[in-house]
Protein backbone atom coordinates (compact mmCIF):
# COMPACT_ATOMS: atom_id res chain seq x y z
CA UNK A 1 0.02 -0.12 -0.02
CA UNK A 2 1.18 3.25 -0.88
CA UNK A 3 1.56 6.06 1.90
CA UNK A 4 -0.25 8.95 1.35
CA UNK A 5 1.13 12.33 1.58
CA UNK A 6 -0.04 14.60 4.38
CA UNK A 7 -1.69 17.08 1.81
CA UNK A 8 -4.03 14.30 1.10
CA UNK A 9 -2.85 13.83 -2.75
CA UNK A 10 -2.01 10.30 -4.30
CA UNK A 11 -3.96 7.31 -5.03
CA UNK A 12 -6.48 9.59 -6.40
CA UNK A 13 -8.03 10.64 -2.88
CA UNK A 14 -7.95 13.62 -1.34
CA UNK A 15 -8.40 14.88 2.42
CA UNK A 16 -8.28 18.34 2.88
CA UNK A 17 -9.12 18.50 6.41
CA UNK A 18 -6.95 15.59 7.73
CA UNK A 19 -3.50 17.12 7.81
CA UNK A 20 -4.57 19.97 9.38
CA UNK A 21 -6.08 18.38 12.26
CA UNK A 22 -3.25 16.13 12.86
CA UNK A 23 -0.76 19.03 13.20
CA UNK A 24 -3.43 20.85 15.73
CA UNK A 25 -3.59 17.80 17.70
CA UNK A 26 0.46 17.78 17.56
CA UNK A 27 0.76 21.29 19.00
CA UNK A 28 -1.97 20.48 21.69
CA UNK A 29 -0.24 17.45 22.51
CA UNK A 30 3.55 19.45 22.94
CA UNK A 31 1.62 22.34 24.60
CA UNK A 32 0.35 20.16 27.32
CA UNK A 33 3.45 18.21 27.98
CA UNK A 34 5.19 21.61 28.25
CA UNK A 35 2.32 22.79 30.88
CA UNK A 36 2.70 19.07 32.53
CA UNK A 37 6.44 19.40 32.68
CA UNK A 38 5.88 23.06 34.16
CA UNK A 39 3.70 21.78 36.92
CA UNK A 40 5.92 18.74 37.78
CA UNK A 41 8.77 20.97 38.16
CA UNK A 42 6.87 23.50 40.50
CA UNK A 43 5.51 20.91 42.47
CA UNK A 44 8.91 19.29 43.10
CA UNK A 45 10.35 22.43 43.98
CA UNK A 46 7.56 23.00 46.64
CA UNK A 47 8.45 19.61 47.81
CA UNK A 48 11.96 20.28 48.39
CA UNK A 49 11.31 23.78 50.17
CA UNK A 50 8.62 22.21 52.42
CA UNK A 51 11.20 19.27 53.16
CA UNK A 52 13.98 21.92 54.49
CA UNK A 53 14.92 21.16 57.96
CA UNK A 54 13.19 23.32 60.20
CA UNK A 55 15.54 26.00 62.27
CA UNK A 56 15.89 25.02 66.00
CA UNK A 57 15.34 27.50 68.53
CA UNK A 58 16.73 28.51 72.14
CA UNK A 59 14.43 30.60 74.06
CA UNK A 60 15.72 32.09 77.42
CA UNK A 61 13.50 33.85 79.95
CA UNK A 62 15.38 36.54 81.72
CA UNK A 63 14.24 37.15 85.61
CA UNK A 64 13.10 40.38 87.67
CA UNK A 65 13.32 38.22 91.00
CA UNK A 66 16.10 38.84 93.08
CA UNK A 67 16.65 37.85 96.78
CA UNK A 68 19.30 39.14 99.32
CA UNK A 69 19.92 36.71 102.09
CA UNK A 70 22.29 37.69 105.00
CA UNK A 71 23.58 34.99 107.47
CA UNK A 72 26.25 36.50 109.54
CA UNK A 73 25.73 33.62 112.21
CA UNK A 74 25.62 35.98 115.24
CA UNK A 75 23.79 33.42 117.19
CA UNK A 76 26.90 30.88 116.78
CA UNK A 77 30.02 32.99 116.89
CA UNK A 78 29.21 34.61 120.40
CA UNK A 79 30.49 38.17 120.77
CA UNK A 80 32.39 38.15 117.34
CA UNK A 81 29.00 37.09 115.93
CA UNK A 82 27.38 39.91 117.60
CA UNK A 83 29.90 42.47 116.59
CA UNK A 84 29.93 41.36 112.95
CA UNK A 85 25.95 41.62 113.05
CA UNK A 86 26.11 45.33 114.46
CA UNK A 87 28.23 46.08 111.79
CA UNK A 88 26.29 44.70 109.31
CA UNK A 89 23.22 46.67 110.12
CA UNK A 90 25.00 49.73 109.37
CA UNK A 91 24.25 48.78 105.89
CA UNK A 92 20.82 48.86 104.56
CA UNK A 93 19.24 45.62 103.00
CA UNK A 94 17.32 47.43 101.16
CA UNK A 95 20.17 49.60 99.64
CA UNK A 96 21.87 46.19 98.65
CA UNK A 97 18.81 44.93 96.98
CA UNK A 98 18.56 48.22 95.27
CA UNK A 99 22.38 47.90 93.99
CA UNK A 100 21.33 43.96 93.34
CA UNK A 101 18.30 44.75 90.76
CA UNK A 102 20.05 47.80 88.94
CA UNK A 103 23.13 46.04 88.50
CA UNK A 104 21.90 42.95 87.09
CA UNK A 105 18.69 44.01 85.69
CA UNK A 106 17.16 42.12 82.81
CA UNK A 107 18.89 44.40 80.03
CA UNK A 108 22.12 43.51 81.60
CA UNK A 109 21.37 39.71 81.59
CA UNK A 110 20.32 39.99 78.10
CA UNK A 111 23.89 41.80 77.21
CA UNK A 112 25.64 39.01 79.19
CA UNK A 113 23.87 36.17 77.60
CA UNK A 114 24.80 37.22 74.10
CA UNK A 115 28.40 38.26 75.43
CA UNK A 116 28.83 34.46 76.63
CA UNK A 117 27.04 32.99 73.34
CA UNK A 118 24.87 30.95 75.62
CA UNK A 119 23.59 28.89 72.73
CA UNK A 120 27.41 27.49 72.18
CA UNK A 121 28.13 26.87 75.36
CA UNK A 122 25.16 24.89 75.76
CA UNK A 123 26.43 22.84 72.89
CA UNK A 124 23.56 23.84 70.47
CA UNK A 125 25.35 26.92 68.56
CA UNK A 126 22.99 26.40 65.58
CA UNK A 127 19.94 27.24 67.27
CA UNK A 128 18.40 30.65 66.65
CA UNK A 129 18.28 32.79 70.15
CA UNK A 130 14.89 34.13 71.38
CA UNK A 131 15.05 36.15 74.48
CA UNK A 132 11.84 36.12 76.26
CA UNK A 133 11.37 39.17 78.71
CA UNK A 134 11.09 38.70 82.45
CA UNK A 135 7.40 39.51 82.64
CA UNK A 136 6.64 36.45 80.40
CA UNK A 137 7.83 34.13 83.26
CA UNK A 138 5.00 31.74 84.52
CA UNK A 139 4.31 32.09 88.33
CA UNK A 140 6.77 29.03 89.51
CA UNK A 141 4.95 26.67 91.51
CA UNK A 142 6.17 23.17 92.32
CA UNK A 143 3.55 21.85 89.55
CA UNK A 144 4.71 24.38 86.92
CA UNK A 145 8.39 23.68 87.64
CA UNK A 146 7.97 19.91 87.30
CA UNK A 147 5.70 20.12 84.16
CA UNK A 148 6.81 18.87 80.96
CA UNK A 149 5.05 21.38 78.79
CA UNK A 150 7.02 23.99 76.97
CA UNK A 151 6.92 27.46 78.47
CA UNK A 152 6.54 28.92 74.85
CA UNK A 153 3.76 27.86 72.37
CA UNK A 154 3.88 27.53 68.88
CA UNK A 155 7.47 26.63 68.59
CA UNK A 156 9.39 24.14 66.41
CA UNK A 157 10.15 20.31 67.00
CA UNK A 158 13.73 21.08 67.78
CA UNK A 159 13.48 23.47 70.74
CA UNK A 160 15.21 24.32 73.98
CA UNK A 161 14.43 26.63 76.83
CA UNK A 162 16.19 28.15 79.44
CA UNK A 163 14.37 29.88 82.43
CA UNK A 164 16.71 32.07 84.84
CA UNK A 165 14.10 31.58 87.67
CA UNK A 166 15.62 33.91 90.38
CA UNK A 167 19.15 35.55 91.44
CA UNK A 168 19.93 35.64 94.87
CA UNK A 169 22.69 37.52 96.96
CA UNK A 170 24.27 35.25 99.88
CA UNK A 171 26.11 37.00 102.73
CA UNK A 172 28.12 34.94 104.91
CA UNK A 173 31.01 35.42 107.45
CA UNK A 174 33.02 33.59 104.87
CA UNK A 175 32.34 35.96 101.68
CA UNK A 176 29.35 36.80 99.48
CA UNK A 177 28.03 34.45 96.64
CA UNK A 178 25.27 35.14 93.73
CA UNK A 179 23.38 32.10 93.13
CA UNK A 180 21.38 31.81 89.88
CA UNK A 181 18.31 29.25 89.75
CA UNK A 182 17.75 28.12 86.44
CA UNK A 183 15.41 25.15 84.79
CA UNK A 184 16.17 23.76 81.35
CA UNK A 185 14.64 21.74 78.92
CA UNK A 186 15.65 20.44 75.57
CA UNK A 187 13.48 18.59 72.86
CA UNK A 188 14.77 16.89 70.05
CA UNK A 189 13.71 16.86 66.35
CA UNK A 190 10.64 14.79 66.79
CA UNK A 191 9.68 16.80 69.24
CA UNK A 192 10.17 14.92 72.34
CA UNK A 193 11.90 15.89 75.66
CA UNK A 194 15.23 14.38 76.23
CA UNK A 195 16.98 16.87 78.66
CA UNK A 196 15.91 18.34 81.74
CA UNK A 197 17.62 20.20 84.25
CA UNK A 198 16.86 22.11 87.62
CA UNK A 199 19.77 23.40 89.50
CA UNK A 200 21.40 26.14 90.91
CA UNK A 201 25.09 27.54 90.51
CA UNK A 202 26.73 30.07 92.75
CA UNK A 203 29.95 32.20 92.30
CA UNK A 204 31.67 34.69 94.66
CA UNK A 205 30.97 38.26 94.05
CA UNK A 206 33.70 40.01 96.56
CA UNK A 207 33.06 43.77 94.98
CA UNK A 208 29.53 43.53 95.48
CA UNK A 209 27.94 45.47 97.22
CA UNK A 210 29.36 49.15 96.68
CA UNK A 211 30.00 50.66 100.00
CA UNK A 212 29.84 54.02 98.14
CA UNK A 213 29.24 55.77 94.98
CA UNK A 214 32.68 55.61 93.87
CA UNK A 215 32.62 51.65 93.76
CA UNK A 216 29.62 51.43 91.72
CA UNK A 217 31.08 50.33 88.88
CA UNK A 218 33.17 47.96 90.36
CA UNK A 219 30.53 46.74 92.19
CA UNK A 220 28.49 46.23 88.86
CA UNK A 221 31.16 44.27 86.99
CA UNK A 222 32.03 41.95 90.23
CA UNK A 223 28.16 41.18 90.28
CA UNK A 224 27.54 40.52 86.22
CA UNK A 225 30.96 38.44 86.62
CA UNK A 226 29.48 36.06 88.79
CA UNK A 227 26.47 35.71 86.89
CA UNK A 228 28.36 35.20 83.65
CA UNK A 229 30.07 32.47 85.65
CA UNK A 230 26.97 30.85 86.85
CA UNK A 231 25.77 30.37 83.39
CA UNK A 232 28.83 28.83 82.30
CA UNK A 233 28.84 26.55 85.05
CA UNK A 234 25.38 25.55 84.69
CA UNK A 235 26.14 24.54 80.87
CA UNK A 236 29.47 22.88 81.76
CA UNK A 237 28.81 21.37 85.02
CA UNK A 238 24.83 20.78 85.18
CA UNK A 239 24.51 19.58 81.51
CA UNK A 240 27.77 17.65 81.49
CA UNK A 241 27.97 17.69 77.64
């Protein structure tokens, strides 16, 4: 059998519309193939974008809770203790508390946290740091402290939280210390809690409090350095990575 040309000529037969219809079908087929390929490409790109690993986050709550505790042992040290107690009363506890709050304010804590690069010290350097203001801390009851729920909502599975519950100034006959109370939780990429620590660390602050206005700068430096050391001690000694 002789093949017919596309123009319909040959063998005495003519199909004037057949060639045009075939051409149109081919154009439509090619066009749909291009559209389909583009849709597949777009869908693939969207899937790749959606499957990108989520950014882990480290949320740190600052604190506005400060306590001043003086234990000079007057009842146990006889006359020496009584003399020490009397000398201590010359310094206002309220004045010490005011220095404590002012020199280790939430803004000072935030600056120290960033300067220390706390995420790196906690061995999670790639986590995005989110600073939470002190007023967003919950009321710390025993139930809240032991709760397994996250403090922050709408967070990624890969998440850690560190709450600075309080700072305490301890004055004792053998010296002064700043104690920081910290609660830490860490969740893995599946959102499962796998690290939880509740502990305190303490560091001497020999230059705090200031005894005169001239000593305020040195007092603040001593206090803030003690807080810095407490954060590092917590990460290295309590988490023990």
